[in-house]
Amino acid sequence: MSGLKSSWELSLERSEKLVPELKNKKKITSRQKEKISEIRKEYQAKIADKDIMMQDSVTKLQGRIPPEEIKYAMEELQNGFAEEKNALEKKMEEEIESVRN
């Protein structure tokens, strides 16, 4: 019976085969973890700020443009926010990766 592997062990072996760089990743220090946490909080705050600004702009649309154009203007604002959010998330991941290395 000792020759049988648990599902956890089998899963671990499969993950090492699928993503070999996980096996070679070095452990991060507590200082690096703190820095990564700070970076994540900073970027979450920036994204939340952009979201609030976008929502504020959406609410202001109703008095500024004709009702038939509101839908398109809202989509433009939401698409712009999505692009900014993606850019911020990418920059955050780059900073986190630099801390890890």
Protein backbone atom coordinates (compact mmCIF):
# COMPACT_ATOMS: atom_id res chain seq x y z
CA MET A 1 0.00 0.00 0.00
CA SER A 2 2.88 2.41 0.55
CA GLY A 3 3.43 2.52 -3.22
CA LEU A 4 0.17 4.36 -3.80
CA LYS A 5 0.30 8.13 -4.09
CA SER A 6 -2.23 10.54 -2.71
CA SER A 7 -4.17 12.82 -5.03
CA TRP A 8 -2.17 15.72 -3.61
CA GLU A 9 1.14 14.07 -4.61
CA LEU A 10 -0.18 13.28 -8.09
CA SER A 11 -1.41 16.84 -8.49
CA LEU A 12 1.95 18.22 -7.38
CA GLU A 13 3.77 16.07 -9.93
CA ARG A 14 1.43 17.20 -12.70
CA SER A 15 1.87 20.86 -11.79
CA GLU A 16 5.66 20.48 -11.90
CA LYS A 17 5.39 18.98 -15.37
CA LEU A 18 3.01 21.66 -16.65
CA VAL A 19 4.80 24.65 -15.10
CA PRO A 20 8.43 23.69 -14.48
CA GLU A 21 9.46 27.24 -13.49
CA LEU A 22 7.43 26.86 -10.29
CA LYS A 23 9.89 24.26 -9.09
CA ASN A 24 12.84 26.59 -9.67
CA LYS A 25 11.31 29.69 -8.06
CA LYS A 26 13.18 30.84 -5.04
CA LYS A 27 11.45 31.56 -1.75
CA ILE A 28 10.71 35.17 -1.00
CA THR A 29 11.65 36.86 2.25
CA SER A 30 9.24 38.47 4.70
CA ARG A 31 10.54 41.91 3.61
CA GLN A 32 9.74 41.05 -0.01
CA LYS A 33 6.26 39.90 1.04
CA GLU A 34 5.71 43.22 2.83
CA LYS A 35 6.87 45.21 -0.20
CA ILE A 36 4.64 43.17 -2.51
CA SER A 37 1.71 43.77 -0.18
CA GLU A 38 2.41 47.53 -0.22
CA ILE A 39 2.56 47.52 -4.02
CA ARG A 40 -0.75 45.65 -4.29
CA LYS A 41 -2.46 48.07 -1.86
CA GLU A 42 -1.10 51.08 -3.74
CA TYR A 43 -2.36 49.83 -7.08
CA GLN A 44 -5.71 48.70 -5.68
CA ALA A 45 -6.17 52.25 -4.38
CA LYS A 46 -5.25 53.72 -7.77
CA ILE A 47 -7.71 51.39 -9.53
CA ALA A 48 -10.46 52.21 -7.01
CA ASP A 49 -9.82 55.92 -7.57
CA LYS A 50 -10.11 55.52 -11.34
CA ASP A 51 -13.31 53.50 -10.87
CA ILE A 52 -14.87 56.22 -8.71
CA MET A 53 -13.88 58.89 -11.22
CA MET A 54 -15.41 56.85 -14.06
CA GLN A 55 -18.65 56.31 -12.13
CA ASP A 56 -18.81 60.03 -11.35
CA SER A 57 -18.38 60.81 -15.05
CA VAL A 58 -21.19 58.38 -15.90
CA THR A 59 -23.58 60.09 -13.49
CA LYS A 60 -22.72 63.49 -14.96
CA LEU A 61 -23.52 62.29 -18.49
CA GLN A 62 -27.26 62.47 -18.02
CA GLY A 63 -27.36 66.25 -17.90
CA ARG A 64 -24.78 66.85 -20.61
CA ILE A 65 -25.69 64.71 -23.61
CA PRO A 66 -28.90 63.57 -25.30
CA PRO A 67 -30.46 60.40 -23.84
CA GLU A 68 -29.93 58.39 -27.04
CA GLU A 69 -26.16 58.96 -26.84
CA ILE A 70 -25.75 58.07 -23.16
CA LYS A 71 -25.32 54.36 -23.85
CA TYR A 72 -22.40 54.95 -26.22
CA ALA A 73 -20.77 57.49 -23.95
CA MET A 74 -21.04 55.10 -21.00
CA GLU A 75 -19.43 52.34 -23.05
CA GLU A 76 -16.56 54.66 -23.98
CA LEU A 77 -16.00 55.60 -20.34
CA GLN A 78 -16.14 51.95 -19.25
CA ASN A 79 -13.76 50.89 -22.01
CA GLY A 80 -11.35 53.66 -21.06
CA PHE A 81 -11.49 52.55 -17.43
CA ALA A 82 -10.87 48.92 -18.42
CA GLU A 83 -7.80 49.95 -20.43
CA GLU A 84 -6.44 52.05 -17.55
CA LYS A 85 -7.11 49.22 -15.10
CA ASN A 86 -5.29 46.71 -17.31
CA ALA A 87 -2.33 49.07 -17.66
CA LEU A 88 -2.16 49.59 -13.89
CA GLU A 89 -2.41 45.85 -13.23
CA LYS A 90 0.37 45.18 -15.72
CA LYS A 91 2.58 47.81 -14.12
CA MET A 92 1.80 46.36 -10.68
CA GLU A 93 2.81 42.86 -11.80
CA GLU A 94 6.06 44.25 -13.25
CA GLU A 95 6.89 45.95 -9.95
CA ILE A 96 6.07 42.79 -7.99
CA GLU A 97 8.26 40.72 -10.29
CA SER A 98 11.14 43.17 -9.80
CA VAL A 99 10.76 42.81 -6.01
CA ARG A 100 10.81 39.01 -6.32
CA ASN A 101 14.02 39.13 -8.32
